């Protein structure tokens, strides 16, 4: 699907401000080629200005630019364009041209506007397949962008500049990179020789907006109030939870909301890979922090000698005496450490990629075997004990996100998980109209929790009036 993104994104224009710093007009005259107006294509102008700025003001471009340095860069670009009487065929307004050049050289090109307006338009991801093929995910819908980079090198330059914010390098010797632009923007990038050279670069820029982490957002079709009430009670009263699903299903949003329901007197310790997506610190009216949160992220180094992994941070977590540990996503060996933390009395919440709710236990087992060689039967028993509640989330064909199943794992016997389905979402019909799919379905509440889990709720301090909502005497053992 193609769409004019200008209908989503109001172009942000900054006025070029006069600054007190003197500008050496002789520098511009030295680079001036003609006093006649020169109508040129933008890509040619960009290359010309880049040469001028790198030859003349390389010290400013190479520095960690503050407000004053950014003003200077804008002013130098503006003076150069005016001095050479340059007119752009695609961008005839001088202010617009300077703004575009500045973003391409000192910011992140057209991606800057998308990121600035992410909350307004509901932008969740920017997926760069190549320098000329970019897709956005806006409110769960995939949209082909009508913007593209000038060429492969332009794309590489912009993504490289974004990665530099987190001191991450991508080049021919390091063609894969994980970095972050801010605490809620994660970047994954690939370039030649992993990709074909003409592709330039491929990148996934994921944006987690805090406004999405709300009860209202989740209860608006993602789950029922009863499901959310159960999950909030479980994490509050010491029942470890794993949220599973496919990419883009909303696992992080659900985990973030659950963590936001934790009382201020409970200490939360979060572990994330490469960048921080959770923002759980709360402040009172006077601006003082009211809750207890330790946010941590992994660290990778070029030689790997000083890497800090999720497994390392889990080991540290146990020394911080947390009430709740959040492992942002199980990816590898940390799966074993996470189940150990849960089985030793800590409440753990995590996310994982898996195909089904009950299949999540085998997925955990597969990851845990990267750390230690146990039999599948032993690890499966450990995982069921460690994570009694599995939440399975899915993005449906109409781009809606649903918690499609919540199960309680009770045991592992004779090569199979013994479990009960507490809640589920049933698809009744998929209606296709004008190439768009509308999913019709309904939620069902199927079973109460087991007597064992009921007793665990009570032992962990849950009031009986809460426990009785999820424990049905006539269908539990």
Protein backbone atom coordinates (compact mmCIF):
# COMPACT_ATOMS: atom_id res chain seq x y z
CA UNK A 1 0.00 0.00 0.00
CA UNK A 2 1.35 3.44 -0.97
CA UNK A 3 0.39 6.65 0.78
CA UNK A 4 1.41 10.29 0.71
CA UNK A 5 3.16 10.57 4.06
CA UNK A 6 2.67 14.34 4.06
CA UNK A 7 -0.91 13.58 5.06
CA UNK A 8 0.48 11.93 8.20
CA UNK A 9 3.47 14.10 8.88
CA UNK A 10 3.24 17.90 9.03
CA UNK A 11 6.58 19.09 7.80
CA UNK A 12 8.49 20.80 10.57
CA UNK A 13 10.36 23.88 9.41
CA UNK A 14 12.85 25.70 11.57
CA UNK A 15 13.61 29.31 10.79
CA UNK A 16 17.25 30.02 10.07
CA UNK A 17 18.27 32.23 12.96
CA UNK A 18 20.81 35.03 12.82
CA UNK A 19 23.69 34.38 15.14
CA UNK A 20 26.27 36.68 16.58
CA UNK A 21 29.25 34.58 15.45
CA UNK A 22 30.95 36.26 12.46
CA UNK A 23 30.96 34.40 9.17
CA UNK A 24 34.04 34.55 6.97
CA UNK A 25 32.53 35.53 3.62
CA UNK A 26 35.88 35.05 1.94
CA UNK A 27 35.56 31.33 2.54
CA UNK A 28 32.35 31.24 0.54
CA UNK A 29 33.80 33.33 -2.29
CA UNK A 30 36.69 30.88 -2.55
CA UNK A 31 34.21 28.07 -3.26
CA UNK A 32 31.92 30.14 -5.49
CA UNK A 33 31.92 29.03 -9.11
CA UNK A 34 29.56 31.49 -10.70
CA UNK A 35 27.58 34.62 -9.91
CA UNK A 36 24.80 33.37 -12.19
CA UNK A 37 21.91 31.43 -10.71
CA UNK A 38 22.56 27.71 -11.03
CA UNK A 39 19.53 25.43 -11.23
CA UNK A 40 20.62 21.98 -10.13
CA UNK A 41 19.30 18.68 -8.84
CA UNK A 42 19.27 18.23 -5.08
CA UNK A 43 21.63 15.24 -5.07
CA UNK A 44 24.27 17.32 -6.88
CA UNK A 45 23.82 20.22 -4.47
CA UNK A 46 24.14 17.92 -1.47
CA UNK A 47 27.43 16.48 -2.71
CA UNK A 48 28.75 19.98 -3.42
CA UNK A 49 27.80 21.32 0.01
CA UNK A 50 29.24 18.22 1.71
CA UNK A 51 32.58 18.85 0.01
CA UNK A 52 32.51 22.50 1.02
CA UNK A 53 31.61 21.80 4.65
CA UNK A 54 34.03 18.90 5.09
CA UNK A 55 36.90 20.90 3.61
CA UNK A 56 36.17 24.08 5.52
CA UNK A 57 34.33 23.23 8.74
CA UNK A 58 35.30 19.62 9.38
CA UNK A 59 36.05 20.41 13.03
CA UNK A 60 32.42 21.41 13.64
CA UNK A 61 30.92 18.42 11.81
CA UNK A 62 33.24 16.03 13.63
CA UNK A 63 32.38 17.44 17.05
CA UNK A 64 29.53 16.52 19.36
CA UNK A 65 27.40 19.38 18.10
CA UNK A 66 25.49 21.46 20.60
CA UNK A 67 22.90 24.14 19.89
CA UNK A 68 25.46 26.76 18.88
CA UNK A 69 27.34 24.39 16.56
CA UNK A 70 24.11 23.37 14.87
CA UNK A 71 23.21 27.00 14.33
CA UNK A 72 26.60 27.57 12.75
CA UNK A 73 26.20 24.64 10.39
CA UNK A 74 22.82 25.95 9.26
CA UNK A 75 24.20 29.43 8.75
CA UNK A 76 27.23 28.22 6.79
CA UNK A 77 25.01 26.12 4.52
CA UNK A 78 22.69 29.08 4.01
CA UNK A 79 25.54 31.46 3.20
CA UNK A 80 27.01 29.02 0.72
CA UNK A 81 23.70 28.55 -1.13
CA UNK A 82 23.10 32.32 -1.30
CA UNK A 83 26.66 33.19 -2.30
CA UNK A 84 26.60 30.75 -5.20
CA UNK A 85 23.05 31.70 -6.25
CA UNK A 86 22.07 28.03 -6.20
CA UNK A 87 18.49 27.07 -6.93
CA UNK A 88 17.23 23.52 -6.46
CA UNK A 89 14.96 22.03 -9.12
CA UNK A 90 13.10 19.82 -6.63
CA UNK A 91 13.21 22.26 -3.71
CA UNK A 92 12.99 25.87 -5.01
CA UNK A 93 12.46 27.60 -1.63
CA UNK A 94 15.82 28.51 -0.08
CA UNK A 95 14.67 27.92 3.50
CA UNK A 96 13.33 24.47 2.61
CA UNK A 97 16.55 23.67 0.74
CA UNK A 98 18.74 24.68 3.68
CA UNK A 99 16.55 22.71 6.06
CA UNK A 100 16.81 19.61 3.85
CA UNK A 101 20.59 19.95 3.45
CA UNK A 102 21.04 20.45 7.17
CA UNK A 103 19.04 17.32 8.02
CA UNK A 104 20.99 15.28 5.49
CA UNK A 105 24.34 16.46 6.83
CA UNK A 106 23.82 16.97 10.56
CA UNK A 107 20.70 14.95 11.38
CA UNK A 108 19.00 11.92 9.86
CA UNK A 109 17.57 13.18 6.56
CA UNK A 110 13.79 12.70 6.14
CA UNK A 111 13.85 10.13 8.97
CA UNK A 112 14.25 13.06 11.40
CA UNK A 113 10.69 14.25 10.73
CA UNK A 114 9.25 10.76 11.08
CA UNK A 115 10.92 10.24 14.45
CA UNK A 116 9.92 13.69 15.71
CA UNK A 117 6.29 12.98 14.86
CA UNK A 118 6.25 9.31 15.89
CA UNK A 119 3.79 9.80 18.75
CA UNK A 120 1.47 11.92 16.62
CA UNK A 121 1.19 9.49 13.71
CA UNK A 122 1.51 6.25 15.68
CA UNK A 123 4.82 5.27 14.10
CA UNK A 124 6.14 1.97 15.45
CA UNK A 125 8.87 0.90 13.02
CA UNK A 126 10.89 2.16 10.06
CA UNK A 127 12.08 -0.73 7.92
CA UNK A 128 14.74 0.10 5.34
CA UNK A 129 15.01 -2.77 2.85
CA UNK A 130 17.44 -0.84 0.65
CA UNK A 131 18.29 2.79 -0.06
CA UNK A 132 15.27 3.06 -2.37
CA UNK A 133 12.76 0.84 -0.54
CA UNK A 134 11.45 1.99 2.85
CA UNK A 135 8.40 0.83 4.76
CA UNK A 136 6.75 2.28 7.85
CA UNK A 137 4.57 0.50 10.36
CA UNK A 138 1.95 2.97 11.56
CA UNK A 139 -0.58 1.72 14.11
CA UNK A 140 0.19 -1.85 13.05
CA UNK A 141 -0.28 -1.17 9.31
CA UNK A 142 2.61 -1.53 6.86
CA UNK A 143 2.92 1.45 4.50
CA UNK A 144 5.37 1.97 1.65
CA UNK A 145 7.09 5.33 2.03
CA UNK A 146 7.19 7.68 -0.93
CA UNK A 147 10.59 8.97 0.20
CA UNK A 148 13.90 7.32 -0.51
CA UNK A 149 17.58 8.11 -0.11
CA UNK A 150 19.51 9.75 -2.93
CA UNK A 151 21.65 6.66 -3.41
CA UNK A 152 23.24 3.77 -1.51
CA UNK A 153 25.98 5.91 0.05
CA UNK A 154 23.46 8.47 1.28
CA UNK A 155 21.57 5.70 3.12
CA UNK A 156 24.80 4.38 4.66
CA UNK A 157 25.82 7.86 5.81
CA UNK A 158 22.47 8.51 7.55
CA UNK A 159 22.26 5.14 9.34
CA UNK A 160 25.92 5.39 10.31
CA UNK A 161 25.20 8.81 11.85
CA UNK A 162 22.27 7.34 13.78
CA UNK A 163 24.40 4.50 15.14
CA UNK A 164 27.13 6.93 16.21
CA UNK A 165 24.74 8.29 18.85
CA UNK A 166 25.26 5.04 20.79
CA UNK A 167 28.94 4.80 19.80
CA UNK A 168 28.20 1.92 17.44
CA UNK A 169 30.24 1.43 14.29
CA UNK A 170 29.12 -0.13 11.02
CA UNK A 171 31.59 -0.56 8.17
CA UNK A 172 32.98 -3.24 5.86
CA UNK A 173 34.82 -4.82 8.78
CA UNK A 174 31.76 -4.68 11.04
CA UNK A 175 28.81 -5.10 8.66
CA UNK A 176 26.21 -5.82 11.37
CA UNK A 177 25.29 -3.39 14.13
CA UNK A 178 22.88 -3.00 17.04
CA UNK A 179 22.50 0.46 18.51
CA UNK A 180 20.02 2.95 19.87
CA UNK A 181 19.05 6.51 19.13
CA UNK A 182 17.41 7.13 22.48
CA UNK A 183 16.08 5.05 25.33
CA UNK A 184 13.05 3.97 23.29
CA UNK A 185 14.48 3.77 19.74
CA UNK A 186 16.42 0.65 18.78
CA UNK A 187 18.39 0.27 15.53
CA UNK A 188 19.47 -2.95 13.84
CA UNK A 189 21.50 -2.54 10.64
CA UNK A 190 23.24 -4.60 7.94
CA UNK A 191 25.50 -3.51 5.09
CA UNK A 192 27.97 -4.88 2.55
CA UNK A 193 29.45 -7.53 2.55
CA UNK A 194 26.43 -9.08 4.32
CA UNK A 195 24.21 -7.38 1.72
CA UNK A 196 24.71 -6.75 -1.97
CA UNK A 197 26.75 -3.59 -2.39
CA UNK A 198 24.12 -1.84 -4.52
CA UNK A 199 21.55 -2.25 -1.73
CA UNK A 200 23.51 0.18 0.42
CA UNK A 201 22.13 -0.67 3.83
CA UNK A 202 19.19 -2.44 5.46
CA UNK A 203 17.94 -1.32 8.84
CA UNK A 204 15.10 -1.78 11.27
CA UNK A 205 14.38 1.22 13.50
CA UNK A 206 11.95 0.29 16.24
CA UNK A 207 10.14 2.96 18.23
CA UNK A 208 8.35 2.20 21.48
CA UNK A 209 6.11 5.09 22.49
CA UNK A 210 5.23 5.31 26.17
CA UNK A 211 1.72 6.46 25.29
CA UNK A 212 0.99 2.95 24.01
CA UNK A 213 1.66 1.39 27.41
CA UNK A 214 -1.77 1.94 28.91
CA UNK A 215 -4.68 -0.15 30.20
CA UNK A 216 -6.98 1.71 27.82
CA UNK A 217 -4.86 0.79 24.81
CA UNK A 218 -4.74 -2.88 25.75
CA UNK A 219 -8.39 -3.22 26.72
CA UNK A 220 -9.47 -1.62 23.43
CA UNK A 221 -9.70 -4.95 21.65
CA UNK A 222 -6.35 -6.50 22.65
CA UNK A 223 -7.73 -8.28 25.72
CA UNK A 224 -10.70 -8.23 28.06
CA UNK A 225 -10.68 -6.44 31.40
CA UNK A 226 -10.80 -9.83 33.14
CA UNK A 227 -7.66 -10.98 31.31
CA UNK A 228 -5.75 -7.81 32.20
CA UNK A 229 -6.94 -7.95 35.80
CA UNK A 230 -5.70 -11.54 36.08
CA UNK A 231 -2.28 -10.75 34.61
CA UNK A 232 -1.84 -7.68 36.82
CA UNK A 233 -2.72 -9.74 39.89
CA UNK A 234 -0.33 -12.51 38.85
CA UNK A 235 2.72 -10.27 38.47
CA UNK A 236 1.77 -8.30 41.61
CA UNK A 237 1.57 -11.45 43.74
CA UNK A 238 4.70 -13.26 42.62
CA UNK A 239 3.61 -15.41 39.67
CA UNK A 240 6.21 -15.34 36.88
CA UNK A 241 4.92 -14.67 33.37
CA UNK A 242 6.31 -15.21 29.88
CA UNK A 243 4.70 -13.20 27.07
CA UNK A 244 5.15 -15.00 23.76
CA UNK A 245 4.29 -14.23 20.17
CA UNK A 246 5.57 -13.21 16.79
CA UNK A 247 7.36 -10.01 15.80
CA UNK A 248 5.12 -6.95 16.04
CA UNK A 249 2.48 -8.66 18.16
CA UNK A 250 2.76 -6.13 21.00
CA UNK A 251 4.61 -8.24 23.56
CA UNK A 252 6.70 -5.32 24.81
CA UNK A 253 3.66 -3.08 25.20
CA UNK A 254 1.90 -5.70 27.29
CA UNK A 255 4.99 -6.29 29.44
CA UNK A 256 5.44 -2.55 29.90
CA UNK A 257 1.88 -2.07 31.02
CA UNK A 258 2.08 -4.97 33.48
CA UNK A 259 5.24 -3.51 35.01
CA UNK A 260 3.55 -0.12 35.29
CA UNK A 261 0.92 -1.66 37.59
CA UNK A 262 3.50 -2.66 40.21
CA UNK A 263 3.17 -0.70 43.50
CA UNK A 264 5.84 1.87 44.27
CA UNK A 265 7.24 -0.11 47.22
CA UNK A 266 8.22 -3.06 44.99
CA UNK A 267 11.68 -2.92 43.42
CA UNK A 268 11.86 -3.59 39.67
CA UNK A 269 15.08 -4.54 37.86
CA UNK A 270 14.89 -4.52 34.04
CA UNK A 271 17.35 -6.07 31.58
CA UNK A 272 17.24 -5.11 27.92
CA UNK A 273 19.30 -5.87 24.85
CA UNK A 274 21.28 -2.91 23.52
CA UNK A 275 18.75 -0.15 24.14
CA UNK A 276 16.06 0.72 26.65
CA UNK A 277 12.41 0.46 25.68
CA UNK A 278 10.84 0.42 29.14
CA UNK A 279 10.42 3.70 31.00
CA UNK A 280 9.00 2.77 34.39
CA UNK A 281 10.27 5.55 36.65
CA UNK A 282 7.40 7.49 38.22
CA UNK A 283 7.56 10.93 39.82
CA UNK A 284 5.27 12.66 42.24
CA UNK A 285 3.89 16.17 41.81
CA UNK A 286 7.07 17.70 43.17
CA UNK A 287 9.21 15.82 40.64
CA UNK A 288 10.68 13.35 43.12
CA UNK A 289 10.96 9.69 42.10
CA UNK A 290 8.24 7.72 43.86
CA UNK A 291 8.94 4.12 42.85
CA UNK A 292 11.98 1.84 42.87
CA UNK A 293 13.38 0.91 39.45
CA UNK A 294 16.81 -0.13 38.14
CA UNK A 295 16.99 -0.08 34.33
CA UNK A 296 19.94 -1.94 32.76
CA UNK A 297 21.01 -2.65 29.17
CA UNK A 298 23.57 -4.96 27.65
CA UNK A 299 26.83 -3.69 26.21
CA UNK A 300 28.70 -5.11 23.23
CA UNK A 301 32.29 -4.36 22.23
CA UNK A 302 34.11 -4.90 18.94
CA UNK A 303 36.45 -7.55 20.32
CA UNK A 304 33.83 -9.06 22.63
CA UNK A 305 36.17 -9.08 25.62
CA UNK A 306 34.21 -6.53 27.63
CA UNK A 307 30.71 -7.50 26.57
CA UNK A 308 27.98 -7.34 29.20
CA UNK A 309 25.27 -9.87 28.34
CA UNK A 310 21.73 -10.39 29.59
CA UNK A 311 23.05 -13.41 31.47
CA UNK A 312 25.63 -11.19 33.21
CA UNK A 313 22.96 -8.66 34.16
CA UNK A 314 20.71 -11.42 35.49
CA UNK A 315 23.54 -12.48 37.77
CA UNK A 316 23.83 -8.89 39.00
CA UNK A 317 20.06 -8.67 39.44
CA UNK A 318 20.11 -11.29 42.17
CA UNK A 319 22.55 -9.08 44.12
CA UNK A 320 20.19 -6.10 43.95
CA UNK A 321 17.40 -7.80 45.89
CA UNK A 322 14.64 -6.99 43.39
CA UNK A 323 11.01 -7.92 43.85
CA UNK A 324 10.48 -8.27 40.10
CA UNK A 325 13.01 -8.97 37.36
CA UNK A 326 12.14 -8.15 33.76
CA UNK A 327 14.18 -9.78 30.99
CA UNK A 328 13.19 -7.72 27.95
CA UNK A 329 13.44 -10.66 25.60
CA UNK A 330 14.79 -14.19 25.88
CA UNK A 331 17.19 -14.67 23.01
CA UNK A 332 19.81 -17.18 24.14
CA UNK A 333 21.57 -18.50 27.24
CA UNK A 334 19.77 -16.08 29.56
CA UNK A 335 16.71 -18.36 29.34
CA UNK A 336 18.38 -20.77 31.76
CA UNK A 337 19.36 -17.99 34.19
CA UNK A 338 15.83 -16.54 34.03
CA UNK A 339 14.19 -19.81 35.05
CA UNK A 340 16.75 -20.22 37.83
CA UNK A 341 15.86 -16.74 39.13
CA UNK A 342 12.16 -17.58 39.07
CA UNK A 343 12.60 -20.94 40.75
CA UNK A 344 14.63 -19.36 43.56
CA UNK A 345 11.75 -17.11 44.57
CA UNK A 346 12.03 -14.04 42.33
CA UNK A 347 9.14 -12.89 40.19
CA UNK A 348 10.25 -12.81 36.56
CA UNK A 349 8.49 -11.36 33.53
CA UNK A 350 9.96 -11.82 30.08
CA UNK A 351 9.07 -12.00 26.38
CA UNK A 352 10.02 -14.55 23.73
CA UNK A 353 9.37 -15.37 20.10
CA UNK A 354 7.43 -18.60 19.69
CA UNK A 355 4.72 -20.14 17.52
CA UNK A 356 2.16 -21.25 20.13
CA UNK A 357 1.45 -20.76 23.82
CA UNK A 358 2.27 -24.30 24.91
CA UNK A 359 5.15 -24.44 22.41
CA UNK A 360 6.77 -21.58 24.32
CA UNK A 361 8.10 -24.06 26.88
CA UNK A 362 10.05 -25.97 24.24
CA UNK A 363 11.32 -22.69 22.81
CA UNK A 364 12.65 -21.75 26.27
CA UNK A 365 14.21 -25.19 26.58
CA UNK A 366 16.00 -24.83 23.24
CA UNK A 367 17.48 -21.50 24.31
CA UNK A 368 18.46 -22.78 27.75
CA UNK A 369 20.43 -25.67 26.20
CA UNK A 370 22.83 -23.11 24.78
CA UNK A 371 24.03 -22.60 28.34
CA UNK A 372 23.96 -26.11 29.82
CA UNK A 373 23.44 -29.58 28.44
CA UNK A 374 20.40 -30.94 30.26
CA UNK A 375 17.88 -33.40 28.88
CA UNK A 376 14.78 -31.89 27.29
CA UNK A 377 12.58 -33.55 29.90
CA UNK A 378 14.53 -31.98 32.77
CA UNK A 379 14.53 -28.51 31.21
CA UNK A 380 10.85 -28.70 30.30
CA UNK A 381 9.97 -29.50 33.91
CA UNK A 382 12.10 -26.58 35.08
CA UNK A 383 10.48 -24.17 32.62
CA UNK A 384 6.93 -25.16 33.52
CA UNK A 385 7.74 -24.70 37.19
CA UNK A 386 9.49 -21.37 36.60
CA UNK A 387 6.84 -19.81 34.32
CA UNK A 388 3.40 -21.10 35.22
CA UNK A 389 1.68 -18.42 33.13
CA UNK A 390 2.22 -18.11 29.37
CA UNK A 391 0.56 -15.24 27.52
CA UNK A 392 0.40 -15.66 23.75
CA UNK A 393 -0.06 -12.56 21.63
CA UNK A 394 -0.58 -12.24 17.88
CA UNK A 395 -1.00 -9.58 15.22
CA UNK A 396 -3.93 -10.62 13.07
CA UNK A 397 -4.45 -10.10 9.34
CA UNK A 398 -6.35 -6.84 9.92
CA UNK A 399 -3.30 -5.53 11.86
CA UNK A 400 -5.13 -5.71 15.20
CA UNK A 401 -3.22 -7.16 18.14
CA UNK A 402 -4.84 -9.75 20.37
CA UNK A 403 -3.88 -11.78 23.38
CA UNK A 404 -5.08 -15.00 21.81
CA UNK A 405 -4.35 -17.35 24.70
CA UNK A 406 -3.39 -17.38 28.38
CA UNK A 407 -2.46 -20.78 29.75
CA UNK A 408 -1.34 -22.16 33.09
CA UNK A 409 1.39 -24.78 32.82
CA UNK A 410 0.90 -27.34 35.59
CA UNK A 411 3.42 -30.09 34.91
CA UNK A 412 5.43 -31.98 32.31
CA UNK A 413 4.59 -35.69 32.15
CA UNK A 414 5.25 -38.44 29.61
CA UNK A 415 6.71 -36.03 27.06
CA UNK A 416 3.86 -33.53 27.13
CA UNK A 417 3.03 -30.32 28.97
CA UNK A 418 0.04 -30.60 31.27
CA UNK A 419 -1.73 -27.26 31.06
CA UNK A 420 -5.09 -25.53 31.18
CA UNK A 421 -6.30 -22.70 28.96
CA UNK A 422 -7.59 -19.86 31.11
CA UNK A 423 -8.55 -17.40 28.35
CA UNK A 424 -8.49 -17.41 24.58
CA UNK A 425 -9.54 -15.42 21.52
CA UNK A 426 -11.49 -17.29 18.84
CA UNK A 427 -11.54 -16.09 15.22
CA UNK A 428 -15.07 -16.53 13.84
CA UNK A 429 -14.59 -15.09 10.37
CA UNK A 430 -12.13 -13.24 8.14
CA UNK A 431 -13.95 -10.84 5.84
CA UNK A 432 -12.02 -9.57 2.82
CA UNK A 433 -13.33 -6.36 1.24
CA UNK A 434 -11.36 -4.25 -1.25
CA UNK A 435 -8.12 -6.08 -0.43
CA UNK A 436 -8.58 -5.34 3.27
CA UNK A 437 -9.26 -8.01 5.86
CA UNK A 438 -11.62 -7.58 8.77
CA UNK A 439 -11.32 -10.17 11.53
CA UNK A 440 -14.43 -11.08 13.49
CA UNK A 441 -13.96 -12.95 16.74
CA UNK A 442 -14.65 -13.16 20.45
CA UNK A 443 -12.86 -13.77 23.75
CA UNK A 444 -13.64 -16.73 25.98
CA UNK A 445 -12.93 -17.40 29.65
CA UNK A 446 -12.47 -21.17 29.86
CA UNK A 447 -10.96 -22.25 33.15
CA UNK A 448 -9.98 -21.11 36.59
CA UNK A 449 -6.44 -21.50 37.90
CA UNK A 450 -5.32 -24.70 39.57
CA UNK A 451 -5.55 -25.22 43.30
CA UNK A 452 -1.74 -25.14 43.44
CA UNK A 453 -1.63 -21.71 41.80
CA UNK A 454 -4.47 -20.47 43.99
CA UNK A 455 -2.48 -21.45 47.06
CA UNK A 456 0.58 -19.67 45.68
CA UNK A 457 -1.47 -16.49 45.19
CA UNK A 458 -2.64 -16.66 48.80
CA UNK A 459 0.82 -17.40 50.19
CA UNK A 460 2.18 -14.40 48.30
CA UNK A 461 -0.31 -12.04 49.92
CA UNK A 462 -3.20 -11.85 47.44
CA UNK A 463 -6.56 -11.08 49.12
CA UNK A 464 -9.05 -13.92 48.84
CA UNK A 465 -11.58 -11.68 47.06
CA UNK A 466 -9.05 -11.32 44.23
CA UNK A 467 -8.07 -14.99 44.16
CA UNK A 468 -11.72 -16.13 44.09
CA UNK A 469 -12.22 -14.30 40.77
CA UNK A 470 -9.81 -16.71 39.08
CA UNK A 471 -10.40 -19.90 41.07
CA UNK A 472 -13.50 -21.92 40.21
CA UNK A 473 -14.07 -24.64 42.80
CA UNK A 474 -16.01 -26.87 40.42
CA UNK A 475 -13.34 -27.22 37.72
CA UNK A 476 -9.97 -27.17 39.43
CA UNK A 477 -7.81 -29.80 41.02
